[in-house]
Amino acid sequence: MLAPRKTLWSTPDTIISTAWTWIRPLLEEDSKLCDVGCGDGRVLLSWARAYTAEKSSQKPPTFWGIDIDSERIQQAQRELERAQQEGSIDPALSITFLCLNALEHVSLFADAHILFLYLIPRGLRLMYPLLTNQYVVTYMAPLSTDETPLRHEMIAVPHQPGAAWPLYLYKLNKSRLE
């Protein structure tokens, strides 16, 4: 298990929107955004809504969500279809949700320009050797003691008054450990 699952914890909107403000300037033509442990897809769907609202002339990124829980992937797919029908997400955007074990399908995120990881510390330790020259956003736990984040903030979460949780942004410049 890589992600927090005992209770299905979802990434709060304040975390998602802060992460978007951090990564948006980093997007390049044809960027691939990937959320490993995407759950119900809320991070990628929120980012796709934000991108749609911008009406950018830039070639859009592709969005990839990977999760091992088929029910959560089905939830993500249903929400994507609903958002496309209501017009909050452009149907032309490439958004894919896959039910897979990410550790067995490294090729799906190895070429991602930006990764979002809301994983337990053990999950981050397992993922770290698989990551290369990428931007990585982590929520709740730092990526590795070997990496210094470009950004680190404590973000307030409305559902827990007075609470703030850590968000990190890294730029990795390393080869994958084989």
N, C-alpha and C. Protein backbone atom coordinates (compact mmCIF):
# COMPACT_ATOMS: atom_id res chain seq x y z
N MET A 1 0.84 -1.18 0.00
CA MET A 1 0.00 0.00 0.00
C MET A 1 0.89 1.24 0.00
N LEU A 2 0.58 2.16 -0.92
CA LEU A 2 1.35 3.39 -1.04
C LEU A 2 0.63 4.60 -0.46
N ALA A 3 -0.69 4.59 -0.58
CA ALA A 3 -1.48 5.77 -0.22
C ALA A 3 -2.24 5.52 1.09
N PRO A 4 -2.67 6.61 1.75
CA PRO A 4 -3.45 6.44 2.98
C PRO A 4 -4.81 5.83 2.67
N ARG A 5 -5.10 4.65 3.21
CA ARG A 5 -6.32 3.94 2.84
C ARG A 5 -7.19 3.52 4.02
N LYS A 6 -6.67 3.46 5.24
CA LYS A 6 -7.49 2.96 6.33
C LYS A 6 -8.84 3.68 6.33
N THR A 7 -8.77 4.98 6.27
CA THR A 7 -9.93 5.81 5.99
C THR A 7 -9.59 6.48 4.68
N LEU A 8 -10.55 6.65 3.80
CA LEU A 8 -10.25 7.26 2.50
C LEU A 8 -10.10 8.77 2.66
N TRP A 9 -8.89 9.19 2.95
CA TRP A 9 -8.59 10.61 3.10
C TRP A 9 -8.47 11.23 1.72
N SER A 10 -9.15 12.32 1.51
CA SER A 10 -9.09 13.01 0.23
C SER A 10 -8.31 14.30 0.38
N THR A 11 -7.62 14.69 -0.67
CA THR A 11 -6.84 15.91 -0.66
C THR A 11 -7.78 17.12 -0.59
N PRO A 12 -7.59 18.01 0.39
CA PRO A 12 -8.45 19.18 0.51
C PRO A 12 -8.28 20.16 -0.66
N ASP A 13 -9.34 20.89 -0.96
CA ASP A 13 -9.32 21.85 -2.07
C ASP A 13 -8.23 22.90 -1.93
N THR A 14 -7.95 23.34 -0.69
CA THR A 14 -6.91 24.36 -0.50
C THR A 14 -5.53 23.82 -0.90
N ILE A 15 -5.31 22.55 -0.67
CA ILE A 15 -4.04 21.93 -1.07
C ILE A 15 -3.98 21.85 -2.59
N ILE A 16 -5.07 21.41 -3.20
CA ILE A 16 -5.12 21.26 -4.66
C ILE A 16 -4.89 22.60 -5.35
N SER A 17 -5.56 23.64 -4.88
CA SER A 17 -5.43 24.95 -5.54
C SER A 17 -4.04 25.54 -5.33
N THR A 18 -3.46 25.35 -4.16
CA THR A 18 -2.09 25.84 -3.93
C THR A 18 -1.12 25.10 -4.84
N ALA A 19 -1.26 23.79 -4.92
CA ALA A 19 -0.38 23.01 -5.81
C ALA A 19 -0.51 23.50 -7.25
N TRP A 20 -1.74 23.80 -7.70
CA TRP A 20 -1.93 24.30 -9.07
C TRP A 20 -1.19 25.62 -9.27
N THR A 21 -1.26 26.51 -8.31
CA THR A 21 -0.55 27.80 -8.48
C THR A 21 0.95 27.59 -8.55
N TRP A 22 1.44 26.56 -7.90
CA TRP A 22 2.88 26.26 -7.97
C TRP A 22 3.27 25.66 -9.31
N ILE A 23 2.46 24.73 -9.80
CA ILE A 23 2.88 24.00 -11.01
C ILE A 23 2.48 24.67 -12.31
N ARG A 24 1.45 25.50 -12.27
CA ARG A 24 0.96 26.11 -13.52
C ARG A 24 2.07 26.80 -14.30
N PRO A 25 2.93 27.61 -13.66
CA PRO A 25 4.01 28.25 -14.43
C PRO A 25 5.05 27.26 -14.97
N LEU A 26 5.03 26.04 -14.47
CA LEU A 26 6.01 25.03 -14.89
C LEU A 26 5.55 24.23 -16.10
N LEU A 27 4.28 24.36 -16.47
CA LEU A 27 3.75 23.59 -17.59
C LEU A 27 4.41 24.02 -18.89
N GLU A 28 4.74 23.03 -19.69
CA GLU A 28 5.31 23.25 -21.02
C GLU A 28 4.34 22.66 -22.04
N GLU A 29 4.62 22.90 -23.31
CA GLU A 29 3.82 22.27 -24.36
C GLU A 29 3.83 20.76 -24.13
N ASP A 30 2.67 20.15 -24.18
CA ASP A 30 2.55 18.69 -24.04
C ASP A 30 3.00 18.14 -22.69
N SER A 31 2.96 18.93 -21.64
CA SER A 31 3.32 18.40 -20.32
C SER A 31 2.40 17.25 -19.95
N LYS A 32 2.96 16.31 -19.22
CA LYS A 32 2.16 15.20 -18.69
C LYS A 32 2.10 15.38 -17.18
N LEU A 33 0.87 15.45 -16.66
CA LEU A 33 0.65 15.56 -15.22
C LEU A 33 0.14 14.21 -14.74
N CYS A 34 0.73 13.70 -13.68
CA CYS A 34 0.34 12.38 -13.20
C CYS A 34 0.14 12.40 -11.69
N ASP A 35 -0.95 11.81 -11.25
CA ASP A 35 -1.24 11.65 -9.83
C ASP A 35 -1.22 10.15 -9.53
N VAL A 36 -0.18 9.72 -8.82
CA VAL A 36 -0.06 8.32 -8.43
C VAL A 36 -0.76 8.16 -7.08
N GLY A 37 -1.76 7.29 -7.05
CA GLY A 37 -2.61 7.17 -5.87
C GLY A 37 -3.72 8.19 -5.96
N CYS A 38 -4.29 8.34 -7.15
CA CYS A 38 -5.22 9.44 -7.45
C CYS A 38 -6.57 9.33 -6.76
N GLY A 39 -6.91 8.15 -6.23
CA GLY A 39 -8.20 8.01 -5.57
C GLY A 39 -9.35 8.37 -6.48
N ASP A 40 -10.18 9.32 -6.04
CA ASP A 40 -11.36 9.71 -6.82
C ASP A 40 -11.04 10.73 -7.91
N GLY A 41 -9.77 11.02 -8.11
CA GLY A 41 -9.35 11.88 -9.21
C GLY A 41 -9.45 13.36 -8.95
N ARG A 42 -9.78 13.75 -7.73
CA ARG A 42 -10.07 15.16 -7.43
C ARG A 42 -8.94 16.11 -7.77
N VAL A 43 -7.68 15.70 -7.61
CA VAL A 43 -6.56 16.61 -7.92
C VAL A 43 -6.53 16.90 -9.42
N LEU A 44 -6.48 15.85 -10.22
CA LEU A 44 -6.40 16.05 -11.67
C LEU A 44 -7.66 16.72 -12.23
N LEU A 45 -8.81 16.36 -11.70
CA LEU A 45 -10.05 16.97 -12.18
C LEU A 45 -10.09 18.46 -11.85
N SER A 46 -9.63 18.81 -10.68
CA SER A 46 -9.58 20.23 -10.30
C SER A 46 -8.60 20.98 -11.20
N TRP A 47 -7.45 20.38 -11.45
CA TRP A 47 -6.46 21.03 -12.32
C TRP A 47 -7.00 21.14 -13.75
N ALA A 48 -7.72 20.12 -14.22
CA ALA A 48 -8.31 20.18 -15.56
C ALA A 48 -9.38 21.27 -15.64
N ARG A 49 -10.15 21.43 -14.57
CA ARG A 49 -11.14 22.52 -14.53
C ARG A 49 -10.44 23.88 -14.59
N ALA A 50 -9.36 24.02 -13.82
CA ALA A 50 -8.62 25.29 -13.81
C ALA A 50 -8.04 25.57 -15.18
N TYR A 51 -7.49 24.54 -15.82
CA TYR A 51 -6.92 24.72 -17.16
C TYR A 51 -8.01 25.10 -18.16
N THR A 52 -9.15 24.43 -18.08
CA THR A 52 -10.27 24.73 -18.97
C THR A 52 -10.72 26.18 -18.79
N ALA A 53 -10.81 26.64 -17.55
CA ALA A 53 -11.27 28.01 -17.26
C ALA A 53 -10.31 29.06 -17.82
N GLU A 54 -9.03 28.72 -17.93
CA GLU A 54 -8.05 29.67 -18.46
C GLU A 54 -8.20 29.93 -19.95
N LYS A 55 -8.76 28.97 -20.66
CA LYS A 55 -8.87 29.06 -22.13
C LYS A 55 -7.51 29.38 -22.75
N SER A 56 -6.50 28.65 -22.30
CA SER A 56 -5.13 28.86 -22.75
C SER A 56 -4.96 28.48 -24.22
N SER A 57 -4.09 29.20 -24.91
CA SER A 57 -3.77 28.86 -26.30
C SER A 57 -2.61 27.87 -26.36
N GLN A 58 -1.99 27.61 -25.23
CA GLN A 58 -0.90 26.64 -25.14
C GLN A 58 -1.46 25.24 -25.42
N LYS A 59 -0.62 24.40 -26.05
CA LYS A 59 -1.04 23.00 -26.25
C LYS A 59 -1.26 22.39 -24.87
N PRO A 60 -2.43 21.80 -24.64
CA PRO A 60 -2.78 21.38 -23.28
C PRO A 60 -1.94 20.21 -22.78
N PRO A 61 -1.84 20.14 -21.46
CA PRO A 61 -1.17 18.98 -20.87
C PRO A 61 -2.07 17.75 -20.97
N THR A 62 -1.49 16.60 -20.72
CA THR A 62 -2.28 15.39 -20.55
C THR A 62 -2.31 15.08 -19.06
N PHE A 63 -3.39 14.48 -18.63
CA PHE A 63 -3.61 14.20 -17.22
C PHE A 63 -3.75 12.69 -17.04
N TRP A 64 -2.97 12.12 -16.13
CA TRP A 64 -2.99 10.68 -15.88
C TRP A 64 -3.17 10.42 -14.39
N GLY A 65 -4.16 9.63 -14.04
CA GLY A 65 -4.37 9.21 -12.66
C GLY A 65 -4.22 7.71 -12.56
N ILE A 66 -3.48 7.28 -11.56
CA ILE A 66 -3.24 5.85 -11.33
C ILE A 66 -3.64 5.53 -9.90
N ASP A 67 -4.44 4.48 -9.73
CA ASP A 67 -4.82 4.03 -8.39
C ASP A 67 -5.07 2.53 -8.45
N ILE A 68 -4.83 1.87 -7.35
CA ILE A 68 -5.00 0.42 -7.29
C ILE A 68 -6.45 0.02 -6.97
N ASP A 69 -7.26 0.98 -6.54
CA ASP A 69 -8.64 0.72 -6.12
C ASP A 69 -9.60 0.98 -7.28
N SER A 70 -10.20 -0.08 -7.81
CA SER A 70 -11.07 0.05 -8.98
C SER A 70 -12.30 0.91 -8.70
N GLU A 71 -12.84 0.85 -7.48
CA GLU A 71 -14.01 1.67 -7.16
C GLU A 71 -13.67 3.16 -7.22
N ARG A 72 -12.49 3.53 -6.74
CA ARG A 72 -12.07 4.93 -6.77
C ARG A 72 -11.84 5.39 -8.22
N ILE A 73 -11.29 4.52 -9.05
CA ILE A 73 -11.09 4.87 -10.46
C ILE A 73 -12.44 5.05 -11.15
N GLN A 74 -13.40 4.19 -10.85
CA GLN A 74 -14.74 4.34 -11.42
C GLN A 74 -15.37 5.66 -10.98
N GLN A 75 -15.17 6.03 -9.71
CA GLN A 75 -15.65 7.32 -9.20
C GLN A 75 -15.03 8.46 -10.01
N ALA A 76 -13.72 8.40 -10.21
CA ALA A 76 -13.01 9.44 -10.96
C ALA A 76 -13.56 9.55 -12.38
N GLN A 77 -13.78 8.41 -13.00
CA GLN A 77 -14.28 8.40 -14.38
C GLN A 77 -15.69 8.99 -14.46
N ARG A 78 -16.53 8.65 -13.49
CA ARG A 78 -17.89 9.20 -13.47
C ARG A 78 -17.86 10.72 -13.29
N GLU A 79 -17.01 11.19 -12.40
CA GLU A 79 -16.90 12.64 -12.16
C GLU A 79 -16.35 13.35 -13.39
N LEU A 80 -15.40 12.73 -14.08
CA LEU A 80 -14.87 13.30 -15.31
C LEU A 80 -15.99 13.45 -16.34
N GLU A 81 -16.75 12.40 -16.54
CA GLU A 81 -17.85 12.44 -17.52
C GLU A 81 -18.87 13.51 -17.16
N ARG A 82 -19.21 13.62 -15.88
CA ARG A 82 -20.16 14.64 -15.43
C ARG A 82 -19.60 16.04 -15.69
N ALA A 83 -18.34 16.26 -15.36
CA ALA A 83 -17.72 17.58 -15.54
C ALA A 83 -17.62 17.95 -17.02
N GLN A 84 -17.37 16.97 -17.87
CA GLN A 84 -17.32 17.24 -19.31
C GLN A 84 -18.71 17.60 -19.83
N GLN A 85 -19.73 16.88 -19.37
CA GLN A 85 -21.11 17.15 -19.81
C GLN A 85 -21.58 18.53 -19.37
N GLU A 86 -21.20 18.94 -18.17
CA GLU A 86 -21.63 20.26 -17.68
C GLU A 86 -20.75 21.39 -18.21
N GLY A 87 -19.62 21.03 -18.85
CA GLY A 87 -18.77 22.03 -19.47
C GLY A 87 -17.67 22.60 -18.60
N SER A 88 -17.49 22.07 -17.39
CA SER A 88 -16.42 22.60 -16.53
C SER A 88 -15.05 22.03 -16.89
N ILE A 89 -15.05 20.92 -17.63
CA ILE A 89 -13.80 20.35 -18.17
C ILE A 89 -13.98 20.19 -19.67
N ASP A 90 -13.04 20.73 -20.41
CA ASP A 90 -13.06 20.64 -21.87
C ASP A 90 -12.94 19.17 -22.29
N PRO A 91 -13.91 18.64 -23.04
CA PRO A 91 -13.85 17.24 -23.47
C PRO A 91 -12.64 16.94 -24.35
N ALA A 92 -12.01 17.97 -24.91
CA ALA A 92 -10.84 17.75 -25.76
C ALA A 92 -9.58 17.46 -24.94
N LEU A 93 -9.61 17.76 -23.64
CA LEU A 93 -8.44 17.46 -22.81
C LEU A 93 -8.27 15.94 -22.69
N SER A 94 -7.03 15.50 -22.72
CA SER A 94 -6.73 14.08 -22.56
C SER A 94 -6.57 13.78 -21.07
N ILE A 95 -7.55 13.06 -20.53
CA ILE A 95 -7.56 12.71 -19.10
C ILE A 95 -7.81 11.21 -19.01
N THR A 96 -6.88 10.50 -18.38
CA THR A 96 -6.95 9.05 -18.30
C THR A 96 -6.83 8.60 -16.85
N PHE A 97 -7.71 7.72 -16.42
CA PHE A 97 -7.63 7.12 -15.09
C PHE A 97 -7.45 5.61 -15.27
N LEU A 98 -6.43 5.07 -14.62
CA LEU A 98 -6.10 3.65 -14.76
C LEU A 98 -6.06 2.96 -13.41
N CYS A 99 -6.64 1.78 -13.35
CA CYS A 99 -6.58 0.96 -12.15
C CYS A 99 -5.40 0.00 -12.28
N LEU A 100 -4.31 0.38 -11.66
CA LEU A 100 -3.06 -0.40 -11.75
C LEU A 100 -2.25 -0.22 -10.48
N ASN A 101 -1.33 -1.13 -10.28
CA ASN A 101 -0.31 -0.96 -9.25
C ASN A 101 0.81 -0.14 -9.87
N ALA A 102 0.99 1.08 -9.42
CA ALA A 102 1.98 1.99 -10.02
C ALA A 102 3.39 1.41 -9.99
N LEU A 103 3.72 0.66 -8.96
CA LEU A 103 5.08 0.10 -8.86
C LEU A 103 5.35 -0.93 -9.94
N GLU A 104 4.30 -1.49 -10.53
CA GLU A 104 4.46 -2.47 -11.60
C GLU A 104 4.33 -1.85 -12.98
N HIS A 105 4.06 -0.54 -13.04
CA HIS A 105 3.84 0.15 -14.31
C HIS A 105 4.55 1.51 -14.31
N VAL A 106 5.84 1.48 -14.01
CA VAL A 106 6.64 2.70 -13.88
C VAL A 106 6.61 3.52 -15.16
N SER A 107 6.53 2.87 -16.31
CA SER A 107 6.56 3.60 -17.58
C SER A 107 5.43 4.61 -17.71
N LEU A 108 4.33 4.40 -16.98
CA LEU A 108 3.19 5.31 -17.07
C LEU A 108 3.46 6.67 -16.43
N PHE A 109 4.37 6.72 -15.47
CA PHE A 109 4.66 8.01 -14.84
C PHE A 109 6.12 8.43 -14.98
N ALA A 110 6.95 7.56 -15.56
CA ALA A 110 8.38 7.87 -15.68
C ALA A 110 8.64 9.10 -16.54
N ASP A 111 7.77 9.35 -17.51
CA ASP A 111 7.96 10.50 -18.40
C ASP A 111 7.08 11.70 -18.02
N ALA A 112 6.44 11.63 -16.86
CA ALA A 112 5.60 12.75 -16.43
C ALA A 112 6.47 13.96 -16.11
N HIS A 113 6.02 15.11 -16.55
CA HIS A 113 6.72 16.36 -16.26
C HIS A 113 6.47 16.76 -14.80
N ILE A 114 5.25 16.51 -14.33
CA ILE A 114 4.86 16.87 -12.97
C ILE A 114 4.09 15.71 -12.35
N LEU A 115 4.51 15.33 -11.14
CA LEU A 115 3.84 14.26 -10.39
C LEU A 115 3.23 14.83 -9.12
N PHE A 116 2.04 14.37 -8.78
CA PHE A 116 1.44 14.68 -7.48
C PHE A 116 1.41 13.38 -6.70
N LEU A 117 1.94 13.41 -5.47
CA LEU A 117 2.00 12.21 -4.65
C LEU A 117 1.46 12.51 -3.25
N TYR A 118 0.28 11.99 -2.95
CA TYR A 118 -0.23 12.00 -1.58
C TYR A 118 -0.14 10.55 -1.13
N LEU A 119 1.05 10.21 -0.65
CA LEU A 119 1.35 8.83 -0.27
C LEU A 119 1.85 8.79 1.16
N ILE A 120 1.75 7.64 1.77
CA ILE A 120 2.33 7.46 3.10
C ILE A 120 3.85 7.47 2.95
N PRO A 121 4.60 7.75 4.03
CA PRO A 121 6.06 7.80 3.91
C PRO A 121 6.67 6.55 3.27
N ARG A 122 6.15 5.38 3.60
CA ARG A 122 6.66 4.16 2.98
C ARG A 122 6.46 4.20 1.47
N GLY A 123 5.30 4.67 1.03
CA GLY A 123 5.01 4.79 -0.40
C GLY A 123 5.98 5.75 -1.08
N LEU A 124 6.28 6.87 -0.42
CA LEU A 124 7.24 7.82 -0.99
C LEU A 124 8.63 7.21 -1.08
N ARG A 125 9.01 6.43 -0.06
CA ARG A 125 10.33 5.77 -0.10
C ARG A 125 10.41 4.76 -1.25
N LEU A 126 9.32 4.05 -1.52
CA LEU A 126 9.30 3.10 -2.63
C LEU A 126 9.31 3.81 -3.99
N MET A 127 8.65 4.95 -4.06
CA MET A 127 8.56 5.69 -5.33
C MET A 127 9.85 6.44 -5.66
N TYR A 128 10.52 6.96 -4.65
CA TYR A 128 11.66 7.85 -4.88
C TYR A 128 12.70 7.29 -5.86
N PRO A 129 13.13 6.03 -5.73
CA PRO A 129 14.14 5.52 -6.68
C PRO A 129 13.63 5.44 -8.12
N LEU A 130 12.32 5.48 -8.31
CA LEU A 130 11.73 5.35 -9.65
C LEU A 130 11.59 6.70 -10.35
N LEU A 131 11.81 7.78 -9.63
CA LEU A 131 11.61 9.12 -10.17
C LEU A 131 12.91 9.66 -10.77
N THR A 132 12.77 10.53 -11.76
CA THR A 132 13.95 11.06 -12.44
C THR A 132 13.90 12.58 -12.49
N ASN A 133 14.07 13.11 -13.66
CA ASN A 133 14.14 14.55 -13.89
C ASN A 133 12.72 15.11 -13.99
N GLN A 134 12.06 15.28 -12.83
CA GLN A 134 10.65 15.65 -12.79
C GLN A 134 10.40 16.66 -11.67
N TYR A 135 9.30 17.38 -11.82
CA TYR A 135 8.78 18.15 -10.69
C TYR A 135 7.87 17.22 -9.92
N VAL A 136 7.96 17.26 -8.61
CA VAL A 136 7.15 16.39 -7.76
C VAL A 136 6.53 17.22 -6.65
N VAL A 137 5.21 17.13 -6.53
CA VAL A 137 4.49 17.76 -5.43
C VAL A 137 4.09 16.65 -4.47
N THR A 138 4.44 16.80 -3.19
CA THR A 138 4.00 15.84 -2.19
C THR A 138 3.17 16.56 -1.14
N TYR A 139 2.20 15.85 -0.64
CA TYR A 139 1.31 16.38 0.39
C TYR A 139 1.43 15.50 1.63
N MET A 140 1.59 16.11 2.76
CA MET A 140 1.65 15.50 4.09
C MET A 140 3.04 14.99 4.48
N ALA A 141 3.86 14.59 3.55
CA ALA A 141 5.18 14.05 3.91
C ALA A 141 6.21 14.49 2.87
N PRO A 142 7.45 14.75 3.34
CA PRO A 142 8.50 15.11 2.38
C PRO A 142 8.88 13.90 1.53
N LEU A 143 9.42 14.19 0.36
CA LEU A 143 9.77 13.13 -0.58
C LEU A 143 10.93 12.28 -0.08
N SER A 144 12.02 12.94 0.29
CA SER A 144 13.23 12.22 0.68
C SER A 144 14.13 13.18 1.44
N THR A 145 14.92 12.63 2.33
CA THR A 145 15.88 13.48 3.04
C THR A 145 17.02 13.90 2.11
N ASP A 146 17.14 13.24 0.94
CA ASP A 146 18.18 13.60 -0.03
C ASP A 146 17.81 14.82 -0.86
N GLU A 147 16.57 15.25 -0.80
CA GLU A 147 16.08 16.34 -1.65
C GLU A 147 15.67 17.54 -0.82
N THR A 148 16.00 18.72 -1.33
CA THR A 148 15.56 19.97 -0.71
C THR A 148 14.41 20.52 -1.55
N PRO A 149 13.27 20.80 -0.94
CA PRO A 149 12.15 21.29 -1.73
C PRO A 149 12.39 22.70 -2.27
N LEU A 150 11.85 22.96 -3.46
CA LEU A 150 11.84 24.32 -4.00
C LEU A 150 10.88 25.18 -3.19
N ARG A 151 9.79 24.55 -2.76
CA ARG A 151 8.78 25.23 -1.95
C ARG A 151 8.29 24.28 -0.88
N HIS A 152 7.94 24.85 0.25
CA HIS A 152 7.33 24.10 1.34
C HIS A 152 6.47 25.08 2.12
N GLU A 153 5.20 24.77 2.22
CA GLU A 153 4.27 25.63 2.97
C GLU A 153 3.34 24.77 3.80
N MET A 154 2.91 25.35 4.89
CA MET A 154 1.84 24.75 5.68
C MET A 154 0.55 25.40 5.19
N ILE A 155 -0.38 24.59 4.72
CA ILE A 155 -1.61 25.08 4.09
C ILE A 155 -2.80 24.82 5.02
N ALA A 156 -3.57 25.87 5.29
CA ALA A 156 -4.77 25.72 6.12
C ALA A 156 -5.80 24.86 5.40
N VAL A 157 -6.49 24.05 6.17
CA VAL A 157 -7.54 23.19 5.62
C VAL A 157 -8.85 23.52 6.33
N PRO A 158 -9.87 23.94 5.57
CA PRO A 158 -11.11 24.43 6.18
C PRO A 158 -11.86 23.40 7.03
N HIS A 159 -11.73 22.14 6.71
CA HIS A 159 -12.49 21.12 7.46
C HIS A 159 -11.91 20.88 8.86
N GLN A 160 -10.72 21.45 9.14
CA GLN A 160 -10.12 21.33 10.46
C GLN A 160 -9.64 22.72 10.88
N PRO A 161 -10.53 23.53 11.47
CA PRO A 161 -10.15 24.89 11.85
C PRO A 161 -8.90 24.91 12.72
N GLY A 162 -7.98 25.79 12.35
CA GLY A 162 -6.72 25.92 13.07
C GLY A 162 -5.63 24.97 12.59
N ALA A 163 -5.99 24.02 11.75
CA ALA A 163 -5.00 23.05 11.28
C ALA A 163 -4.39 23.51 9.96
N ALA A 164 -3.15 23.13 9.75
CA ALA A 164 -2.46 23.38 8.48
C ALA A 164 -1.58 22.17 8.20
N TRP A 165 -1.53 21.77 6.93
CA TRP A 165 -0.81 20.57 6.56
C TRP A 165 0.27 20.91 5.54
N PRO A 166 1.36 20.13 5.53
CA PRO A 166 2.50 20.47 4.66
C PRO A 166 2.31 20.08 3.20
N LEU A 167 2.78 20.98 2.34
CA LEU A 167 2.82 20.74 0.90
C LEU A 167 4.22 21.08 0.44
N TYR A 168 4.78 20.22 -0.41
CA TYR A 168 6.16 20.37 -0.88
C TYR A 168 6.19 20.34 -2.41
N LEU A 169 7.13 21.09 -2.98
CA LEU A 169 7.41 21.03 -4.41
C LEU A 169 8.90 20.79 -4.59
N TYR A 170 9.24 19.77 -5.36
CA TYR A 170 10.63 19.41 -5.64
C TYR A 170 10.90 19.46 -7.13
N LYS A 171 12.15 19.70 -7.47
CA LYS A 171 12.63 19.52 -8.85
C LYS A 171 13.74 18.49 -8.77
N LEU A 172 13.48 17.33 -9.31
CA LEU A 172 14.48 16.26 -9.28
C LEU A 172 15.37 16.36 -10.51
N ASN A 173 16.62 16.13 -10.31
CA ASN A 173 17.61 16.09 -11.39
C ASN A 173 18.48 14.87 -11.16
N LYS A 174 17.91 13.72 -11.40
CA LYS A 174 18.65 12.48 -11.15
C LYS A 174 18.21 11.41 -12.13
N SER A 175 19.03 10.40 -12.25
CA SER A 175 18.69 9.24 -13.06
C SER A 175 17.94 8.25 -12.18
N ARG A 176 17.11 7.45 -12.80
CA ARG A 176 16.39 6.43 -12.06
C ARG A 176 17.37 5.38 -11.58
N LEU A 177 17.21 4.98 -10.32
CA LEU A 177 18.03 3.91 -9.77
C LEU A 177 17.46 2.58 -10.25
N GLU A 178 18.28 1.77 -10.80
CA GLU A 178 17.80 0.47 -11.31
C GLU A 178 18.19 -0.63 -10.36
